[in-house]
Amino acid sequence: MNKEKLFRTLAISTVVVCITVWIPNLVFQISSPLWMLTFIIAPAGIVFASLIKNAWPIVSNVAMLFSFFILMFAGYFINYITDGTP
């Protein structure tokens, strides 16, 4: 396996892992601290994606790095729109 294919596989797998660690919190509504792994895994994915010089894995890993802040903003925005009523 050449280096570019290995880095591509690692970059894509970091995105998949970052999405997977959010599943307990978002889908099953179980309070799980696993989402904090995105702060460790996503920067590694950014490095792997930058080594292959491909834009979409870099953007998706950056989005996963800031996913906590994006989801927190979305939650507060929905709460603001609905005036806090479900």
C-alpha atoms as a PDB file:
ATOM      1  CA  MET A   1       0.000   0.000   0.000  1.00  0.00           C
ATOM      2  CA  ASN A   2       1.513   3.298  -1.019  1.00  0.00           C
ATOM      3  CA  LYS A   3       1.641   6.288   1.310  1.00  0.00           C
ATOM      4  CA  GLU A   4      -1.018   8.349  -0.455  1.00  0.00           C
ATOM      5  CA  LYS A   5      -3.584   5.550  -0.242  1.00  0.00           C
ATOM      6  CA  LEU A   6      -2.705   4.969   3.428  1.00  0.00           C
ATOM      7  CA  PHE A   7      -3.079   8.669   4.281  1.00  0.00           C
ATOM      8  CA  ARG A   8      -6.374   8.837   2.354  1.00  0.00           C
ATOM      9  CA  THR A   9      -7.702   5.843   4.279  1.00  0.00           C
ATOM     10  CA  LEU A  10      -6.597   7.336   7.592  1.00  0.00           C
ATOM     11  CA  ALA A  11      -8.126  10.740   6.784  1.00  0.00           C
ATOM     12  CA  ILE A  12     -11.477   9.220   5.854  1.00  0.00           C
ATOM     13  CA  SER A  13     -11.464   6.862   8.821  1.00  0.00           C
ATOM     14  CA  THR A  14     -10.881   9.758  11.230  1.00  0.00           C
ATOM     15  CA  VAL A  15     -14.021  11.447   9.899  1.00  0.00           C
ATOM     16  CA  VAL A  16     -15.990   8.223  10.336  1.00  0.00           C
ATOM     17  CA  VAL A  17     -14.691   7.749  13.879  1.00  0.00           C
ATOM     18  CA  CYS A  18     -15.539  11.350  14.785  1.00  0.00           C
ATOM     19  CA  ILE A  19     -19.093  10.888  13.499  1.00  0.00           C
ATOM     20  CA  THR A  20     -19.376   7.585  15.344  1.00  0.00           C
ATOM     21  CA  VAL A  21     -18.436   9.055  18.728  1.00  0.00           C
ATOM     22  CA  TRP A  22     -21.311  11.564  18.423  1.00  0.00           C
ATOM     23  CA  ILE A  23     -23.961   8.837  17.861  1.00  0.00           C
ATOM     24  CA  PRO A  24     -24.668   8.052  21.558  1.00  0.00           C
ATOM     25  CA  ASN A  25     -25.255  11.733  22.342  1.00  0.00           C
ATOM     26  CA  LEU A  26     -27.285  12.696  19.296  1.00  0.00           C
ATOM     27  CA  VAL A  27     -29.202   9.558  18.342  1.00  0.00           C
ATOM     28  CA  PHE A  28     -29.674   7.634  21.580  1.00  0.00           C
ATOM     29  CA  GLN A  29     -29.714  10.680  23.924  1.00  0.00           C
ATOM     30  CA  ILE A  30     -27.181   8.978  26.211  1.00  0.00           C
ATOM     31  CA  SER A  31     -24.744  11.314  27.915  1.00  0.00           C
ATOM     32  CA  SER A  32     -21.401   9.987  26.731  1.00  0.00           C
ATOM     33  CA  PRO A  33     -18.055  11.790  27.048  1.00  0.00           C
ATOM     34  CA  LEU A  34     -16.740  10.043  23.925  1.00  0.00           C
ATOM     35  CA  TRP A  35     -17.425  13.156  21.829  1.00  0.00           C
ATOM     36  CA  MET A  36     -14.330  14.714  23.389  1.00  0.00           C
ATOM     37  CA  LEU A  37     -12.233  12.356  21.273  1.00  0.00           C
ATOM     38  CA  THR A  38     -13.016  14.613  18.317  1.00  0.00           C
ATOM     39  CA  PHE A  39     -10.512  17.115  19.749  1.00  0.00           C
ATOM     40  CA  ILE A  40      -7.796  14.447  19.487  1.00  0.00           C
ATOM     41  CA  ILE A  41      -8.797  12.510  16.374  1.00  0.00           C
ATOM     42  CA  ALA A  42      -9.834  15.363  14.055  1.00  0.00           C
ATOM     43  CA  PRO A  43      -6.467  17.188  14.113  1.00  0.00           C
ATOM     44  CA  ALA A  44      -4.758  13.940  13.171  1.00  0.00           C
ATOM     45  CA  GLY A  45      -7.216  13.623  10.296  1.00  0.00           C
ATOM     46  CA  ILE A  46      -6.433  17.169   9.209  1.00  0.00           C
ATOM     47  CA  VAL A  47      -2.737  16.304   9.082  1.00  0.00           C
ATOM     48  CA  PHE A  48      -3.357  13.116   7.088  1.00  0.00           C
ATOM     49  CA  ALA A  49      -5.665  14.946   4.684  1.00  0.00           C
ATOM     50  CA  SER A  50      -3.188  17.754   4.180  1.00  0.00           C
ATOM     51  CA  LEU A  51      -0.480  15.227   3.333  1.00  0.00           C
ATOM     52  CA  ILE A  52      -2.563  13.990   0.389  1.00  0.00           C
ATOM     53  CA  LYS A  53      -3.540  17.586  -0.523  1.00  0.00           C
ATOM     54  CA  ASN A  54      -7.239  16.817  -0.829  1.00  0.00           C
ATOM     55  CA  ALA A  55      -9.725  19.512   0.171  1.00  0.00           C
ATOM     56  CA  TRP A  56     -12.846  17.629   1.231  1.00  0.00           C
ATOM     57  CA  PRO A  57     -11.199  15.475   3.945  1.00  0.00           C
ATOM     58  CA  ILE A  58      -9.554  18.620   5.327  1.00  0.00           C
ATOM     59  CA  VAL A  59     -12.876  20.474   5.429  1.00  0.00           C
ATOM     60  CA  SER A  60     -14.751  17.526   6.937  1.00  0.00           C
ATOM     61  CA  ASN A  61     -12.108  17.018   9.628  1.00  0.00           C
ATOM     62  CA  VAL A  62     -12.148  20.738  10.458  1.00  0.00           C
ATOM     63  CA  ALA A  63     -15.949  20.533  10.711  1.00  0.00           C
ATOM     64  CA  MET A  64     -15.582  17.571  13.070  1.00  0.00           C
ATOM     65  CA  LEU A  65     -13.011  19.495  15.110  1.00  0.00           C
ATOM     66  CA  PHE A  66     -15.530  22.308  15.631  1.00  0.00           C
ATOM     67  CA  SER A  67     -18.577  20.002  15.768  1.00  0.00           C
ATOM     68  CA  PHE A  68     -19.196  20.662  19.467  1.00  0.00           C
ATOM     69  CA  PHE A  69     -19.415  24.394  18.875  1.00  0.00           C
ATOM     70  CA  ILE A  70     -21.525  23.937  15.738  1.00  0.00           C
ATOM     71  CA  LEU A  71     -23.992  21.669  17.552  1.00  0.00           C
ATOM     72  CA  MET A  72     -24.083  23.957  20.577  1.00  0.00           C
ATOM     73  CA  PHE A  73     -24.869  26.943  18.329  1.00  0.00           C
ATOM     74  CA  ALA A  74     -27.584  24.959  16.530  1.00  0.00           C
ATOM     75  CA  GLY A  75     -29.157  23.918  19.838  1.00  0.00           C
ATOM     76  CA  TYR A  76     -29.196  27.439  21.216  1.00  0.00           C
ATOM     77  CA  PHE A  77     -30.533  28.788  17.918  1.00  0.00           C
ATOM     78  CA  ILE A  78     -33.394  26.268  17.842  1.00  0.00           C
ATOM     79  CA  ASN A  79     -34.137  27.088  21.472  1.00  0.00           C
ATOM     80  CA  TYR A  80     -34.235  30.797  20.567  1.00  0.00           C
ATOM     81  CA  ILE A  81     -36.537  30.258  17.602  1.00  0.00           C
ATOM     82  CA  THR A  82     -39.003  28.098  19.530  1.00  0.00           C
ATOM     83  CA  ASP A  83     -38.876  30.306  22.665  1.00  0.00           C
ATOM     84  CA  GLY A  84     -37.731  27.312  24.696  1.00  0.00           C
ATOM     85  CA  THR A  85     -40.888  25.281  24.142  1.00  0.00           C
ATOM     86  CA  PRO A  86     -40.563  21.800  22.670  1.00  0.00           C
END
